[in-house]
């Protein structure tokens, strides 16, 4: 069977989805040696031309997962100049997630992949697929989120189940990998700068708000602390300053407390980031809770009473209790204002 594919691959005829499907079928039945021969042929620029299809991206992930260090290097170098285009593609972006999760040579990944991503960060964080990819850098998501396909192919699904549902990391410690890719590479700092520059736009974006939340809370396991604490404080100040702007009388501009997306994101930040909650209270809410006790904004106000952090609860207690007692502010059920100890 490999003799059928080899002349096709040698001629570089890899753009057709029918070939991608045939290769996936082949990988489902091929022995390790035969599959390795095909992976070796695909490693490099050829693979870049395949990642925009569902099967093509799966093949690319198989090549990354099962390829040698030398083959992985060829795959990554073959992406030079195309990383931005790949990142904007739903299927292609999952190949980048796979590379970030598996390849132990983080210096190569930082130089060849992350450096190109840094130049288009704003576009990425406002794009649905790419917002998820940037969030993956903080969370290391699984790569089973490739788009749905109506075709039912049991052999292909078996390969996916075995190899693609969970992208296993390489030998390097996962936290160290994330530290090197996010912090040491400068990506996290650039990401925070992008969030500061576009905070208002991200807060009201259906997908960008997720990136902003992950960054503002310091990433999973606090990956951004303590190295970037000063930058994170600047981001918190920026968000609080935007929210502190006066409520517009006209209907043309919706306040961040009243916007569906931003109000819920700010609420999550209050609940999960005490540092931000303190800044927000002092800049935007102290003495103004009654004005924001109705509508979407009430969720943010209520978050201060629901916080697991006693300092945050104590900040708001004196102002919120009369509003609660007077029925102006209604807390979620079973969420009474915690009493001071």
Protein backbone atom coordinates (compact mmCIF):
# COMPACT_ATOMS: atom_id res chain seq x y z
CA UNK A 1 0.00 0.00 0.00
CA UNK A 2 2.84 2.38 0.81
CA UNK A 3 4.11 1.92 -2.75
CA UNK A 4 0.91 3.61 -3.94
CA UNK A 5 1.43 6.68 -1.76
CA UNK A 6 5.17 7.13 -2.20
CA UNK A 7 5.15 8.35 -5.84
CA UNK A 8 2.24 10.67 -5.05
CA UNK A 9 4.08 12.18 -2.11
CA UNK A 10 7.33 12.40 -4.08
CA UNK A 11 5.50 14.53 -6.66
CA UNK A 12 4.08 16.73 -3.89
CA UNK A 13 0.45 16.01 -4.76
CA UNK A 14 -0.97 16.48 -1.26
CA UNK A 15 -3.60 19.21 -1.60
CA UNK A 16 -6.63 16.98 -2.20
CA UNK A 17 -8.83 15.92 0.71
CA UNK A 18 -9.41 12.51 -0.88
CA UNK A 19 -5.70 11.78 -0.40
CA UNK A 20 -5.91 12.90 3.24
CA UNK A 21 -8.77 10.46 3.84
CA UNK A 22 -6.88 7.66 2.12
CA UNK A 23 -3.81 8.33 4.25
CA UNK A 24 -5.89 8.21 7.42
CA UNK A 25 -7.30 4.86 6.29
CA UNK A 26 -3.76 3.66 5.65
CA UNK A 27 -2.56 4.75 9.10
CA UNK A 28 -5.40 2.75 10.65
CA UNK A 29 -4.07 -0.53 9.20
CA UNK A 30 -0.34 0.09 8.64
CA UNK A 31 2.32 -1.44 10.85
CA UNK A 32 4.70 0.84 12.72
CA UNK A 33 7.50 0.59 10.17
CA UNK A 34 5.28 1.35 7.17
CA UNK A 35 3.62 4.26 8.94
CA UNK A 36 7.04 5.63 9.89
CA UNK A 37 8.08 5.67 6.22
CA UNK A 38 5.06 7.81 5.29
CA UNK A 39 5.60 10.11 8.27
CA UNK A 40 9.20 10.61 7.17
CA UNK A 41 8.07 11.57 3.67
CA UNK A 42 5.44 13.98 4.94
CA UNK A 43 7.64 15.73 7.49
CA UNK A 44 8.42 19.20 6.20
CA UNK A 45 6.72 21.74 3.91
CA UNK A 46 4.37 19.11 2.41
CA UNK A 47 2.50 18.82 5.69
CA UNK A 48 1.73 22.55 5.80
CA UNK A 49 -0.39 22.18 2.67
CA UNK A 50 -2.54 19.50 4.32
CA UNK A 51 -3.48 20.99 7.69
CA UNK A 52 -6.53 22.95 6.52
CA UNK A 53 -8.66 19.81 6.19
CA UNK A 54 -9.98 17.69 9.05
CA UNK A 55 -8.13 14.56 7.99
CA UNK A 56 -5.05 16.55 6.98
CA UNK A 57 -4.77 18.11 10.42
CA UNK A 58 -5.14 14.67 12.00
CA UNK A 59 -2.36 13.34 9.82
CA UNK A 60 -0.18 16.27 10.84
CA UNK A 61 -0.87 15.57 14.51
CA UNK A 62 0.01 11.91 14.01
CA UNK A 63 3.28 12.97 12.38
CA UNK A 64 4.10 15.27 15.29
CA UNK A 65 3.16 12.67 17.89
CA UNK A 66 4.95 9.70 16.35
CA UNK A 67 7.74 11.44 14.45
CA UNK A 68 11.33 11.51 15.66
CA UNK A 69 12.93 14.67 17.05
CA UNK A 70 14.50 15.22 13.62
CA UNK A 71 11.15 14.86 11.84
CA UNK A 72 9.42 17.18 14.30
CA UNK A 73 12.10 19.76 13.65
CA UNK A 74 11.50 19.50 9.90
CA UNK A 75 7.74 19.86 10.40
CA UNK A 76 8.13 22.98 12.54
CA UNK A 77 10.71 24.58 10.25
CA UNK A 78 8.42 23.85 7.30
CA UNK A 79 5.80 26.09 8.91
CA UNK A 80 8.02 29.16 8.78
CA UNK A 81 6.05 32.04 7.31
CA UNK A 82 2.75 30.14 7.51
CA UNK A 83 2.14 30.02 11.28
CA UNK A 84 -0.31 32.94 11.18
CA UNK A 85 -2.36 31.35 8.41
CA UNK A 86 -2.36 27.99 10.20
CA UNK A 87 -3.38 29.62 13.49
CA UNK A 88 -6.42 31.26 11.87
CA UNK A 89 -7.64 27.91 10.49
CA UNK A 90 -9.89 25.81 12.71
CA UNK A 91 -8.20 22.53 11.84
CA UNK A 92 -4.71 23.93 11.43
CA UNK A 93 -4.76 25.60 14.83
CA UNK A 94 -5.12 22.19 16.48
CA UNK A 95 -1.82 21.14 14.90
CA UNK A 96 -0.17 24.10 16.62
CA UNK A 97 -1.75 23.04 19.92
CA UNK A 98 -0.33 19.56 19.34
CA UNK A 99 3.15 20.98 18.75
CA UNK A 100 2.94 23.14 21.88
CA UNK A 101 1.86 20.09 23.89
CA UNK A 102 4.38 17.54 22.62
CA UNK A 103 7.62 18.96 21.25
CA UNK A 104 10.28 19.10 23.97
CA UNK A 105 12.52 21.51 22.07
CA UNK A 106 10.81 24.63 23.39
CA UNK A 107 13.56 26.89 22.05
CA UNK A 108 12.74 25.76 18.52
CA UNK A 109 8.99 26.13 19.11
CA UNK A 110 9.48 29.61 20.58
CA UNK A 111 11.63 30.70 17.66
CA UNK A 112 9.62 29.16 14.82
CA UNK A 113 6.03 29.27 16.11
CA UNK A 114 5.58 31.66 19.02
CA UNK A 115 7.61 34.45 17.45
CA UNK A 116 5.17 34.54 14.51
CA UNK A 117 2.14 34.34 16.81
CA UNK A 118 3.35 37.37 18.76
CA UNK A 119 3.00 39.59 15.69
CA UNK A 120 -0.73 38.82 15.29
CA UNK A 121 -1.87 38.41 18.88
CA UNK A 122 -4.75 40.89 18.74
CA UNK A 123 -6.26 39.19 15.70
CA UNK A 124 -5.81 35.81 17.35
CA UNK A 125 -7.45 36.61 20.68
CA UNK A 126 -10.51 38.08 18.95
CA UNK A 127 -10.93 35.04 16.70
CA UNK A 128 -13.04 32.13 17.95
CA UNK A 129 -10.66 29.28 17.14
CA UNK A 130 -7.52 31.18 17.98
CA UNK A 131 -8.87 32.50 21.27
CA UNK A 132 -9.21 28.87 22.27
CA UNK A 133 -5.68 28.18 21.10
CA UNK A 134 -4.22 31.04 23.16
CA UNK A 135 -6.21 29.86 26.14
CA UNK A 136 -4.73 26.40 25.57
CA UNK A 137 -1.30 27.83 26.25
CA UNK A 138 -2.51 28.58 29.76
CA UNK A 139 -4.57 25.41 30.21
CA UNK A 140 -2.98 22.81 27.85
CA UNK A 141 -6.39 21.65 26.58
CA UNK A 142 -6.92 18.37 24.85
CA UNK A 143 -6.90 18.37 21.09
CA UNK A 144 -10.17 16.56 20.66
CA UNK A 145 -11.89 19.82 19.71
CA UNK A 146 -11.37 19.47 15.96
CA UNK A 147 -14.63 20.26 14.13
CA UNK A 148 -17.41 17.74 13.72
CA UNK A 149 -17.75 15.73 10.53
CA UNK A 150 -20.93 14.08 9.33
CA UNK A 151 -19.12 11.12 7.81
CA UNK A 152 -18.94 8.03 10.01
CA UNK A 153 -15.76 6.06 9.41
CA UNK A 154 -15.02 3.48 12.09
CA UNK A 155 -11.37 2.86 11.15
CA UNK A 156 -10.60 6.55 11.06
CA UNK A 157 -12.37 7.09 14.38
CA UNK A 158 -10.28 4.31 15.92
CA UNK A 159 -7.11 6.12 14.91
CA UNK A 160 -8.50 9.36 16.32
CA UNK A 161 -9.46 7.65 19.57
CA UNK A 162 -6.00 6.16 19.96
CA UNK A 163 -3.89 9.07 18.89
CA UNK A 164 -5.74 12.36 18.86
CA UNK A 165 -8.30 12.57 21.63
CA UNK A 166 -5.61 13.35 24.17
CA UNK A 167 -2.37 14.89 23.06
CA UNK A 168 0.16 13.47 25.46
CA UNK A 169 3.10 15.66 26.34
CA UNK A 170 6.71 14.80 25.69
CA UNK A 171 9.28 13.92 28.33
CA UNK A 172 9.56 17.46 29.67
CA UNK A 173 7.65 18.40 32.83
CA UNK A 174 4.35 20.01 31.69
CA UNK A 175 4.67 23.00 34.03
CA UNK A 176 8.24 23.63 32.88
CA UNK A 177 7.12 23.37 29.24
CA UNK A 178 4.41 25.97 29.82
CA UNK A 179 6.83 28.19 31.72
CA UNK A 180 9.29 28.13 28.83
CA UNK A 181 6.67 28.60 26.10
CA UNK A 182 4.60 31.26 27.86
CA UNK A 183 6.86 33.19 30.18
CA UNK A 184 10.45 32.69 29.04
CA UNK A 185 9.57 33.20 25.37
CA UNK A 186 7.98 36.59 26.07
CA UNK A 187 4.59 35.42 24.76
CA UNK A 188 2.81 35.98 28.06
CA UNK A 189 4.14 39.52 28.37
CA UNK A 190 3.04 40.29 24.82
CA UNK A 191 -0.35 38.73 25.56
CA UNK A 192 -0.82 40.90 28.66
CA UNK A 193 0.18 43.99 26.66
CA UNK A 194 -2.41 43.06 24.02
CA UNK A 195 -5.06 42.62 26.72
CA UNK A 196 -4.20 46.02 28.20
CA UNK A 197 -4.35 47.68 24.78
CA UNK A 198 -7.65 46.04 23.80
CA UNK A 199 -9.30 45.38 27.19
CA UNK A 200 -12.63 47.01 26.32
CA UNK A 201 -12.93 45.19 23.03
CA UNK A 202 -11.96 41.85 24.56
CA UNK A 203 -14.40 42.19 27.45
CA UNK A 204 -17.33 42.55 25.05
CA UNK A 205 -16.12 39.84 22.66
CA UNK A 206 -17.79 36.45 22.92
CA UNK A 207 -14.44 34.68 22.58
CA UNK A 208 -11.85 37.31 23.44
CA UNK A 209 -13.28 37.60 26.95
CA UNK A 210 -12.10 34.04 27.67
CA UNK A 211 -8.50 34.94 26.86
CA UNK A 212 -8.73 38.10 28.96
CA UNK A 213 -10.08 36.11 31.90
CA UNK A 214 -7.33 33.47 31.70
CA UNK A 215 -4.63 36.12 31.50
CA UNK A 216 -6.06 38.39 34.22
CA UNK A 217 -6.31 35.50 36.69
CA UNK A 218 -2.67 34.56 36.10
CA UNK A 219 -3.26 31.43 34.04
CA UNK A 220 -3.84 27.86 35.20
CA UNK A 221 -1.76 26.97 38.27
CA UNK A 222 -0.72 30.62 38.52
CA UNK A 223 1.78 30.15 35.69
CA UNK A 224 2.19 33.93 35.23
CA UNK A 225 2.97 34.56 38.91
CA UNK A 226 5.20 36.01 40.26
CA UNK A 227 7.23 36.90 37.16
CA UNK A 228 4.53 39.05 35.59
CA UNK A 229 2.74 40.35 38.68
CA UNK A 230 3.50 43.99 37.83
CA UNK A 231 2.07 43.54 34.33
CA UNK A 232 -1.02 41.80 35.70
CA UNK A 233 -1.57 44.66 38.16
CA UNK A 234 -1.47 47.06 35.20
CA UNK A 235 -4.08 44.94 33.41
CA UNK A 236 -6.33 44.93 36.48
CA UNK A 237 -5.99 48.72 36.74
CA UNK A 238 -6.87 49.11 33.06
CA UNK A 239 -10.02 47.00 33.33
CA UNK A 240 -11.13 48.78 36.51
CA UNK A 241 -10.51 52.20 34.94
CA UNK A 242 -12.64 51.29 31.92
CA UNK A 243 -15.43 50.04 34.14
CA UNK A 244 -15.24 53.17 36.32
CA UNK A 245 -16.26 55.41 33.43
CA UNK A 246 -19.62 57.17 33.97
CA UNK A 247 -22.79 55.48 32.84
CA UNK A 248 -23.93 56.84 29.47
CA UNK A 249 -27.37 58.41 29.34
CA UNK A 250 -27.89 57.54 25.68
CA UNK A 251 -28.50 54.09 24.19
CA UNK A 252 -25.61 54.36 21.74
CA UNK A 253 -22.92 53.07 24.09
CA UNK A 254 -23.46 50.20 26.51
CA UNK A 255 -21.56 50.36 29.79
CA UNK A 256 -19.27 47.41 30.54
CA UNK A 257 -21.30 46.60 33.65
CA UNK A 258 -24.44 46.35 31.49
CA UNK A 259 -23.03 44.36 28.58
CA UNK A 260 -23.93 40.65 28.67
CA UNK A 261 -20.42 39.34 27.98
CA UNK A 262 -18.35 41.85 29.94
CA UNK A 263 -20.56 41.82 33.05
CA UNK A 264 -20.19 38.05 33.37
CA UNK A 265 -16.46 38.16 32.77
CA UNK A 266 -16.00 40.90 35.38
CA UNK A 267 -18.10 38.86 37.80
CA UNK A 268 -15.84 35.82 37.28
CA UNK A 269 -12.78 37.97 37.86
CA UNK A 270 -14.23 39.29 41.13
CA UNK A 271 -14.91 35.73 42.29
CA UNK A 272 -11.59 34.25 41.21
CA UNK A 273 -9.10 37.11 41.54
CA UNK A 274 -9.17 38.95 44.89
CA UNK A 275 -6.48 41.39 43.76
CA UNK A 276 -8.64 42.54 40.87
CA UNK A 277 -11.76 42.63 43.07
CA UNK A 278 -10.08 45.05 45.49
CA UNK A 279 -8.98 47.36 42.68
CA UNK A 280 -12.41 47.27 41.04
CA UNK A 281 -14.18 48.07 44.30
CA UNK A 282 -12.03 51.11 45.02
CA UNK A 283 -12.11 52.45 41.47
CA UNK A 284 -15.60 51.66 40.24
CA UNK A 285 -18.05 50.41 42.87
CA UNK A 286 -17.43 51.96 46.27
CA UNK A 287 -20.36 54.27 47.02
CA UNK A 288 -22.11 53.36 43.74
CA UNK A 289 -23.53 49.90 44.38
CA UNK A 290 -27.14 51.10 44.52
CA UNK A 291 -26.84 52.43 40.96
CA UNK A 292 -25.61 49.04 39.74
CA UNK A 293 -27.94 46.82 41.81
CA UNK A 294 -30.25 45.98 38.89
CA UNK A 295 -29.81 44.17 35.57
CA UNK A 296 -26.58 42.54 34.37
CA UNK A 297 -24.49 44.77 36.64
CA UNK A 298 -26.15 43.31 39.74
CA UNK A 299 -24.28 40.06 39.08
CA UNK A 300 -20.99 41.89 39.53
CA UNK A 301 -22.18 43.57 42.73
CA UNK A 302 -23.43 40.25 44.13
CA UNK A 303 -20.07 38.63 43.39
CA UNK A 304 -18.51 40.64 46.21
CA UNK A 305 -20.81 38.96 48.72
CA UNK A 306 -20.26 35.53 47.14
CA UNK A 307 -16.46 35.69 47.07
CA UNK A 308 -14.61 32.98 48.98
CA UNK A 309 -12.08 35.64 50.03
CA UNK A 310 -13.02 37.28 53.34
CA UNK A 311 -11.13 40.48 52.48
CA UNK A 312 -13.26 40.96 49.36
CA UNK A 313 -16.47 40.29 51.27
CA UNK A 314 -15.47 42.71 54.02
CA UNK A 315 -14.83 45.47 51.48
CA UNK A 316 -18.45 45.44 50.37
CA UNK A 317 -20.31 44.32 53.49
CA UNK A 318 -21.22 47.74 54.88
CA UNK A 319 -22.59 49.01 51.57
CA UNK A 320 -24.30 45.84 50.37
CA UNK A 321 -26.13 44.77 53.52
CA UNK A 322 -28.64 47.68 53.49
CA UNK A 323 -29.34 47.02 49.80
CA UNK A 324 -29.99 43.36 50.53
CA UNK A 325 -32.16 44.10 53.57
CA UNK A 326 -34.16 46.63 51.55
CA UNK A 327 -34.75 44.18 48.71
CA UNK A 328 -32.89 46.40 46.22
CA UNK A 329 -30.12 43.85 45.67
CA UNK A 330 -31.20 40.24 45.33
CA UNK A 331 -28.54 37.63 45.93
CA UNK A 332 -28.71 34.25 44.19
CA UNK A 333 -30.63 31.67 46.21
CA UNK A 334 -28.71 30.11 49.10
CA UNK A 335 -26.08 32.84 48.86
CA UNK A 336 -26.60 35.05 51.95
CA UNK A 337 -23.98 37.65 52.76
CA UNK A 338 -21.43 35.90 54.96
CA UNK A 339 -21.20 37.24 58.47
CA UNK A 340 -17.98 38.70 59.78
CA UNK A 341 -16.01 36.38 62.02
